[in-house]
Amino acid sequence: MFIEIHTIQNFAPSNLNRDDTGSPKDCEFGGHRRARVSSQCWKRAVREYFSQEDLLPEPQLAKRTKKLAGKLSEMLVGLDEKRTREEATTVGAAAVEALGVGFDAKSKEEKKTSVLLFLGNDQIERLAQLCHEHWAVLLSESTKKKGALPKDLISRLKDSLQGSRAVDLALFGRMIAEDPAQNVDAACQVAHAISTHRVAPEFDYYTAVDDLGGADETGAGMVGTQEFNSACFYRYANIDLTQLEHNLQGDKELALSGARAFLESFIMSIPKAKQNSTAAQSLPSFVMIVVRDKGLASLANAFARPVDGRNNGLMVNSVEALAHYWAQLTKMYGINGITSALYATIEDAVLALNSDTVQKVDNVQNLLDRTMSCLGGNK
């Protein structure tokens, strides 16, 4: 079973996701330049929202880090205060090396891995416990040539990364090129958010006055420019519930609670870039959730022809373009495989959504409750 979520979200001037030059990310779609927020950026915002709002307990979350050896060192000292930090760092580094992950040559002392590792908190706990149990062996063997650890210990260390109850890891997956056996197939797909309309970058020329400047000093203490845009985004994501349940060791209840947490976070989370200077805290004006047995379908092509802001404005016109495309799509392909399709909106002008294929609910809370009821989960 699959869950899809579609949103329309309009932002005032902002720079939610920057490229390497500091400019708002963009792309070409339908032959026109669009504003863009990368899927990776919004997935990060979703993961942060999990923790900020306590949607999931800490053991059911993951960490993405290059500092695994340092984290293990900290935990090992916590398990036995008689240990020195230097010894704990040596043991932690030996355990990480046994996983087949190399260290960044530029961080010899800090022992950062060469790649970011995405590990469930429960996996890190298991790894630390193994280091605790095999402290003497890891401490002695780590001073010898690489690969000197007993094979059964290496196997147990690697096995500690198998299986996790971390929902974000189960949703977004993991790839470790050095050891493909540790890969986790993602249960969630997140599209890049794109503007429903044409967008051109704009420039803000700013000045800053020196507060301690003398009366005879005129002009600014600093001047500069920064780019921004204003865009109404179409956002889309889907969850493969079967894969999510598989990734969570067959725990259906956890998979459903994780799916709900993701849906709420996808709706409510906002990237943090430039927020102190733009306060871009705009919630979606339209949210639709579709439950399917088969046949995933993004509605991005509703905006292949850019909408404009005339008459009813960008938000209403974007929602109506999506509604019209949905009607045409379900007319052409039918509704076979669609178990439920519900939407909530603040735009009253939505006329094209056919009640035979999708139903309106009063608010986002009811939207989430009814979707979970359809899936057989708790509200």
Protein backbone atom coordinates (compact mmCIF):
# COMPACT_ATOMS: atom_id res chain seq x y z
CA MET A 1 0.00 0.00 0.00
CA PHE A 2 1.20 3.51 -0.82
CA ILE A 3 0.53 6.95 0.64
CA GLU A 4 0.98 10.08 -1.47
CA ILE A 5 0.94 13.65 -0.25
CA HIS A 6 0.58 16.75 -2.45
CA THR A 7 0.80 20.32 -1.17
CA ILE A 8 0.63 23.86 -2.53
CA GLN A 9 2.66 26.27 -0.41
CA ASN A 10 3.28 29.95 -1.13
CA PHE A 11 6.25 31.85 0.33
CA ALA A 12 6.91 35.57 0.57
CA PRO A 13 10.45 36.78 -0.34
CA SER A 14 12.91 34.22 1.02
CA ASN A 15 15.89 32.01 0.24
CA LEU A 16 14.92 28.60 1.62
CA ASN A 17 17.62 26.55 -0.10
CA ARG A 18 20.86 28.04 -1.41
CA ASP A 19 23.28 26.81 -4.05
CA ASP A 20 27.07 27.04 -3.83
CA THR A 21 26.98 30.77 -4.65
CA GLY A 22 24.32 31.61 -2.07
CA SER A 23 21.58 32.02 -4.68
CA PRO A 24 18.17 30.37 -4.28
CA LYS A 25 18.16 27.02 -6.06
CA ASP A 26 16.22 26.86 -9.30
CA CYS A 27 15.62 24.65 -12.33
CA GLU A 28 13.97 24.60 -15.72
CA PHE A 29 10.61 22.84 -16.01
CA GLY A 30 8.14 23.00 -18.86
CA GLY A 31 10.56 25.26 -20.71
CA HIS A 32 10.51 27.92 -17.98
CA ARG A 33 12.76 28.84 -15.05
CA ARG A 34 11.30 27.78 -11.68
CA ALA A 35 12.25 28.22 -8.05
CA ARG A 36 13.32 24.95 -6.41
CA VAL A 37 13.92 23.51 -2.96
CA SER A 38 15.83 20.25 -3.05
CA SER A 39 14.34 17.07 -1.64
CA GLN A 40 17.38 16.65 0.61
CA CYS A 41 16.78 20.08 2.14
CA TRP A 42 13.16 19.33 2.99
CA LYS A 43 13.95 15.84 4.28
CA ARG A 44 16.35 17.46 6.72
CA ALA A 45 13.58 19.83 7.84
CA VAL A 46 11.24 16.85 8.29
CA ARG A 47 13.77 14.99 10.43
CA GLU A 48 14.34 18.05 12.60
CA TYR A 49 10.58 18.46 13.05
CA PHE A 50 10.36 14.86 14.33
CA SER A 51 12.58 15.82 17.27
CA GLN A 52 11.37 19.38 17.82
CA GLU A 53 7.75 18.30 18.21
CA ASP A 54 8.50 14.99 19.96
CA LEU A 55 6.60 13.08 17.28
CA LEU A 56 8.88 10.09 17.79
CA PRO A 57 10.96 9.01 20.83
CA GLU A 58 14.73 9.29 20.59
CA PRO A 59 15.33 5.49 20.23
CA GLN A 60 13.16 5.60 17.08
CA LEU A 61 15.30 8.25 15.40
CA ALA A 62 18.66 8.18 13.63
CA LYS A 63 21.83 10.26 13.44
CA ARG A 64 23.68 11.26 10.29
CA THR A 65 27.30 11.91 11.16
CA LYS A 66 30.98 11.61 10.37
CA LYS A 67 31.73 11.65 14.10
CA LEU A 68 30.71 8.10 15.02
CA ALA A 69 34.07 7.33 16.64
CA GLY A 70 33.73 10.39 18.87
CA LYS A 71 30.16 9.49 19.81
CA LEU A 72 31.23 5.96 20.73
CA SER A 73 34.09 7.39 22.79
CA GLU A 74 31.67 9.59 24.72
CA MET A 75 29.32 6.67 25.38
CA LEU A 76 32.16 4.36 26.46
CA VAL A 77 33.42 6.85 29.05
CA GLY A 78 29.84 7.15 30.27
CA LEU A 79 29.68 3.38 30.75
CA ASP A 80 32.89 3.36 32.81
CA GLU A 81 34.24 6.63 34.20
CA LYS A 82 37.63 5.03 34.91
CA ARG A 83 38.37 4.98 31.20
CA THR A 84 40.33 7.81 29.66
CA ARG A 85 38.96 9.71 26.69
CA GLU A 86 42.09 8.80 24.72
CA GLU A 87 41.52 5.07 25.30
CA ALA A 88 37.84 5.37 24.46
CA THR A 89 38.65 7.22 21.24
CA THR A 90 41.08 4.47 20.26
CA VAL A 91 38.46 1.78 20.88
CA GLY A 92 35.74 3.72 19.08
CA ALA A 93 38.00 4.27 16.07
CA ALA A 94 38.93 0.56 16.01
CA ALA A 95 35.24 -0.40 15.97
CA VAL A 96 34.46 2.03 13.15
CA GLU A 97 37.43 0.74 11.14
CA ALA A 98 36.14 -2.81 11.62
CA LEU A 99 32.92 -1.73 9.90
CA GLY A 100 34.97 -1.14 6.75
CA VAL A 101 34.51 2.63 6.78
CA GLY A 102 37.59 4.74 6.18
CA PHE A 103 38.60 7.92 7.99
CA ASP A 104 39.12 11.34 6.49
CA ALA A 105 42.88 11.89 6.20
CA LYS A 106 42.43 15.56 7.16
CA SER A 107 40.89 14.71 10.54
CA LYS A 108 43.39 12.35 12.11
CA GLU A 109 42.85 13.53 15.67
CA GLU A 110 39.06 13.91 15.54
CA LYS A 111 38.68 10.67 13.58
CA LYS A 112 35.92 11.72 11.20
CA THR A 113 34.78 9.08 8.72
CA SER A 114 35.28 9.79 5.02
CA VAL A 115 31.50 9.65 4.45
CA LEU A 116 28.43 10.59 6.44
CA LEU A 117 26.94 7.55 8.14
CA PHE A 118 23.21 7.34 8.77
CA LEU A 119 22.64 5.12 11.79
CA GLY A 120 19.69 4.46 14.05
CA ASN A 121 20.21 5.51 17.66
CA ASP A 122 19.50 1.90 18.63
CA GLN A 123 22.28 0.73 16.28
CA ILE A 124 24.75 3.17 17.84
CA GLU A 125 23.72 1.88 21.29
CA ARG A 126 24.35 -1.72 20.19
CA LEU A 127 27.72 -0.78 18.72
CA ALA A 128 28.73 1.01 21.93
CA GLN A 129 27.63 -1.98 24.02
CA LEU A 130 29.79 -4.31 21.92
CA CYS A 131 32.74 -1.97 22.35
CA HIS A 132 32.08 -1.99 26.11
CA GLU A 133 31.95 -5.79 26.24
CA HIS A 134 35.08 -6.23 24.09
CA TRP A 135 37.00 -3.25 25.44
CA ALA A 136 40.24 -5.09 26.14
CA VAL A 137 40.39 -6.78 22.75
CA LEU A 138 39.61 -3.60 20.83
CA LEU A 139 42.10 -1.58 22.85
CA SER A 140 44.94 -4.06 22.39
CA GLU A 141 44.27 -5.14 18.83
CA SER A 142 43.70 -1.59 17.62
CA THR A 143 47.40 -0.86 18.12
CA LYS A 144 48.33 -3.70 15.76
CA LYS A 145 48.09 -3.84 12.01
CA LYS A 146 44.72 -3.22 10.38
CA GLY A 147 42.54 -6.30 10.19
CA ALA A 148 43.97 -7.91 13.34
CA LEU A 149 40.64 -8.05 15.15
CA PRO A 150 39.08 -11.51 15.52
CA LYS A 151 36.76 -12.30 12.61
CA ASP A 152 33.85 -13.16 14.87
CA LEU A 153 34.11 -9.75 16.57
CA ILE A 154 34.24 -7.94 13.22
CA SER A 155 31.17 -9.88 12.18
CA ARG A 156 29.32 -8.93 15.38
CA LEU A 157 30.25 -5.27 14.98
CA LYS A 158 28.90 -5.27 11.43
CA ASP A 159 25.79 -7.17 12.50
CA SER A 160 25.02 -4.40 15.01
CA LEU A 161 24.11 -2.22 12.02
CA GLN A 162 21.52 -4.71 10.80
CA GLY A 163 17.93 -3.92 11.73
CA SER A 164 16.75 -0.76 13.40
CA ARG A 165 13.60 0.84 14.78
CA ALA A 166 14.69 4.28 13.57
CA VAL A 167 11.78 5.63 11.54
CA ASP A 168 13.76 8.27 9.63
CA LEU A 169 16.34 5.67 8.61
CA ALA A 170 13.54 3.35 7.48
CA LEU A 171 11.89 6.16 5.52
CA PHE A 172 14.90 7.68 3.80
CA GLY A 173 17.21 4.69 3.53
CA ARG A 174 20.98 4.35 3.70
CA MET A 175 23.78 3.63 1.27
CA ILE A 176 27.26 2.60 2.41
CA ALA A 177 29.36 2.09 -0.70
CA GLU A 178 32.13 0.36 1.26
CA ASP A 179 29.70 -2.35 2.43
CA PRO A 180 26.51 -2.69 0.33
CA ALA A 181 25.21 -5.32 2.78
CA GLN A 182 24.52 -2.43 5.15
CA ASN A 183 22.34 -0.57 2.64
CA VAL A 184 18.70 0.14 3.50
CA ASP A 185 16.19 0.65 0.69
CA ALA A 186 14.24 3.87 1.27
CA ALA A 187 10.51 3.51 1.87
CA CYS A 188 9.85 7.16 1.02
CA GLN A 189 10.35 9.19 -2.14
CA VAL A 190 10.48 13.00 -1.88
CA ALA A 191 10.38 15.20 -4.97
CA HIS A 192 12.15 18.52 -5.36
CA ALA A 193 9.69 21.30 -4.59
CA ILE A 194 9.19 23.45 -7.69
CA SER A 195 7.35 26.70 -8.21
CA THR A 196 4.07 26.44 -10.08
CA HIS A 197 4.98 29.60 -12.01
CA ARG A 198 7.93 31.31 -13.67
CA VAL A 199 10.47 32.79 -11.27
CA ALA A 200 13.35 35.18 -11.83
CA PRO A 201 15.91 35.87 -9.07
CA GLU A 202 15.77 39.21 -7.32
CA PHE A 203 18.52 41.10 -5.49
CA ASP A 204 18.43 42.85 -2.15
CA TYR A 205 20.96 45.66 -1.81
CA TYR A 206 21.53 46.04 1.91
CA THR A 207 23.53 48.41 4.11
CA ALA A 208 24.58 48.20 7.74
CA VAL A 209 25.32 51.27 9.86
CA ASP A 210 28.23 51.26 12.31
CA ASP A 211 26.65 52.04 15.70
CA LEU A 212 29.94 53.41 17.04
CA GLY A 213 30.57 55.65 14.06
CA GLY A 214 31.29 59.29 14.77
CA ALA A 215 29.04 62.20 13.83
CA ASP A 216 31.38 63.08 10.98
CA GLU A 217 31.19 59.57 9.51
CA THR A 218 28.54 59.21 6.84
CA GLY A 219 27.44 56.24 4.84
CA ALA A 220 27.24 52.59 5.75
CA GLY A 221 29.71 50.48 7.65
CA MET A 222 29.03 47.61 5.28
CA VAL A 223 27.14 47.13 2.01
CA GLY A 224 26.30 44.04 0.00
CA THR A 225 23.73 42.15 -2.01
CA GLN A 226 21.89 38.91 -1.50
CA GLU A 227 19.48 37.01 -3.74
CA PHE A 228 15.96 35.94 -2.92
CA ASN A 229 12.73 34.96 -4.62
CA SER A 230 9.06 34.60 -3.87
CA ALA A 231 7.43 31.37 -5.00
CA CYS A 232 4.36 29.18 -4.73
CA PHE A 233 5.63 25.61 -4.55
CA TYR A 234 4.14 22.26 -5.51
CA ARG A 235 5.51 19.59 -3.17
CA TYR A 236 5.09 15.83 -3.50
CA ALA A 237 6.19 12.72 -1.61
CA ASN A 238 5.09 9.10 -1.25
CA ILE A 239 5.57 6.24 1.20
CA ASP A 240 5.68 2.54 0.42
CA LEU A 241 4.09 1.16 3.60
CA THR A 242 5.15 -2.42 2.82
CA GLN A 243 8.79 -1.37 2.51
CA LEU A 244 8.52 0.80 5.62
CA GLU A 245 7.15 -2.10 7.66
CA HIS A 246 9.91 -4.35 6.30
CA ASN A 247 12.59 -1.80 7.24
CA LEU A 248 11.13 -1.62 10.76
CA GLN A 249 11.47 -5.37 11.33
CA GLY A 250 7.82 -6.12 10.51
CA ASP A 251 6.42 -3.77 13.16
CA LYS A 252 3.16 -2.60 11.52
CA GLU A 253 2.15 -0.33 14.40
CA LEU A 254 5.49 1.48 14.30
CA ALA A 255 5.28 1.76 10.51
CA LEU A 256 1.85 3.42 10.76
CA SER A 257 2.92 5.81 13.53
CA GLY A 258 6.03 6.62 11.50
CA ALA A 259 3.95 7.29 8.40
CA ARG A 260 1.72 9.67 10.33
CA ALA A 261 4.72 11.45 11.81
CA PHE A 262 6.14 11.89 8.32
CA LEU A 263 2.86 13.25 6.90
CA GLU A 264 2.53 15.79 9.71
CA SER A 265 6.17 16.81 9.42
CA PHE A 266 5.96 17.13 5.63
CA ILE A 267 3.04 19.54 6.05
CA MET A 268 4.40 21.57 8.96
CA SER A 269 8.19 21.65 8.51
CA ILE A 270 9.94 24.54 6.78
CA PRO A 271 13.65 24.78 5.85
CA LYS A 272 15.65 27.08 8.12
CA ALA A 273 17.85 28.92 5.64
CA LYS A 274 17.76 32.73 5.98
CA GLN A 275 14.79 32.56 8.35
CA ASN A 276 16.15 35.27 10.66
CA SER A 277 16.20 37.72 7.77
CA THR A 278 13.03 36.61 5.95
CA ALA A 279 10.74 34.91 8.53
CA ALA A 280 9.34 32.68 5.76
CA GLN A 281 6.89 30.79 7.98
CA SER A 282 4.09 30.06 5.49
CA LEU A 283 2.03 26.89 5.84
CA PRO A 284 0.51 25.05 2.86
CA SER A 285 -2.79 26.42 1.57
CA PHE A 286 -3.71 23.03 0.08
CA VAL A 287 -2.92 19.46 1.21
CA MET A 288 -4.14 16.26 -0.47
CA ILE A 289 -3.36 12.74 0.73
CA VAL A 290 -4.02 9.74 -1.50
CA VAL A 291 -3.89 6.10 -0.36
CA ARG A 292 -3.29 3.60 -3.17
CA ASP A 293 -2.80 -0.10 -3.68
CA LYS A 294 -0.80 0.65 -6.83
CA GLY A 295 -0.04 3.31 -9.42
CA LEU A 296 1.92 6.23 -7.96
CA ALA A 297 1.33 9.56 -9.70
CA SER A 298 2.99 12.91 -9.11
CA LEU A 299 0.86 15.88 -10.16
CA ALA A 300 3.84 18.06 -11.13
CA ASN A 301 2.72 18.13 -14.77
CA ALA A 302 -0.26 20.20 -13.68
CA PHE A 303 2.28 23.03 -13.76
CA ALA A 304 4.21 22.19 -16.93
CA ARG A 305 2.40 25.23 -18.27
CA PRO A 306 3.19 27.89 -15.63
CA VAL A 307 0.27 29.41 -13.76
CA ASP A 308 0.08 33.17 -13.32
CA GLY A 309 -1.16 35.48 -10.62
CA ARG A 310 -3.94 37.16 -12.54
CA ASN A 311 -7.58 37.12 -11.42
CA ASN A 312 -7.63 34.89 -8.30
CA GLY A 313 -3.89 34.98 -7.61
CA LEU A 314 -1.10 32.38 -7.56
CA MET A 315 -2.39 30.20 -4.72
CA VAL A 316 -5.94 29.78 -6.02
CA ASN A 317 -4.78 29.37 -9.62
CA SER A 318 -2.20 26.78 -8.56
CA VAL A 319 -4.76 24.76 -6.59
CA GLU A 320 -7.22 24.91 -9.47
CA ALA A 321 -4.52 23.81 -11.96
CA LEU A 322 -3.76 20.82 -9.72
CA ALA A 323 -7.46 20.02 -9.32
CA HIS A 324 -8.01 20.16 -13.07
CA TYR A 325 -5.03 17.89 -13.74
CA TRP A 326 -6.24 15.41 -11.10
CA ALA A 327 -9.65 15.29 -12.79
CA GLN A 328 -8.06 14.66 -16.19
CA LEU A 329 -5.66 12.04 -14.81
CA THR A 330 -8.38 10.04 -13.05
CA LYS A 331 -10.58 10.33 -16.11
CA MET A 332 -7.86 8.88 -18.35
CA TYR A 333 -6.54 6.18 -16.00
CA GLY A 334 -9.50 5.61 -13.72
CA ILE A 335 -9.50 5.30 -9.96
CA ASN A 336 -8.67 1.60 -9.79
CA GLY A 337 -6.13 1.17 -7.00
CA ILE A 338 -7.12 4.35 -5.15
CA THR A 339 -8.41 3.47 -1.69
CA SER A 340 -8.83 6.99 -0.37
CA ALA A 341 -8.27 10.55 -1.60
CA LEU A 342 -8.85 13.44 0.79
CA TYR A 343 -7.92 17.09 0.79
CA ALA A 344 -8.03 20.16 3.03
CA THR A 345 -7.63 23.73 1.79
CA ILE A 346 -8.02 27.33 2.79
CA GLU A 347 -8.96 28.19 -0.80
CA ASP A 348 -12.74 28.15 -1.32
CA ALA A 349 -12.44 28.51 -5.08
CA VAL A 350 -11.53 24.86 -5.70
CA LEU A 351 -14.22 23.70 -8.12
CA ALA A 352 -12.54 21.11 -10.32
CA LEU A 353 -12.00 18.40 -7.69
CA ASN A 354 -14.62 15.75 -8.43
CA SER A 355 -16.32 14.43 -5.30
CA ASP A 356 -16.45 10.98 -6.94
CA THR A 357 -12.66 10.68 -6.71
CA VAL A 358 -11.66 12.91 -3.80
CA GLN A 359 -13.38 14.29 -0.71
CA LYS A 360 -12.85 17.52 1.18
CA VAL A 361 -12.29 17.56 4.94
CA ASP A 362 -12.39 20.53 7.29
CA ASN A 363 -8.80 20.71 8.46
CA VAL A 364 -5.39 19.05 8.43
CA GLN A 365 -5.98 17.20 11.71
CA ASN A 366 -9.08 15.50 10.29
CA LEU A 367 -7.16 14.81 7.10
CA LEU A 368 -4.49 12.94 9.03
CA ASP A 369 -7.02 11.15 11.26
CA ARG A 370 -9.12 9.91 8.37
CA THR A 371 -6.08 8.82 6.39
CA MET A 372 -4.79 6.77 9.32
CA SER A 373 -8.24 5.26 9.85
CA CYS A 374 -8.21 4.18 6.22
CA LEU A 375 -4.86 2.48 6.83
CA GLY A 376 -6.14 0.75 9.95
CA GLY A 377 -3.97 2.76 12.32
CA ASN A 378 -4.65 4.86 15.37
CA LYS A 379 -5.59 8.52 15.01
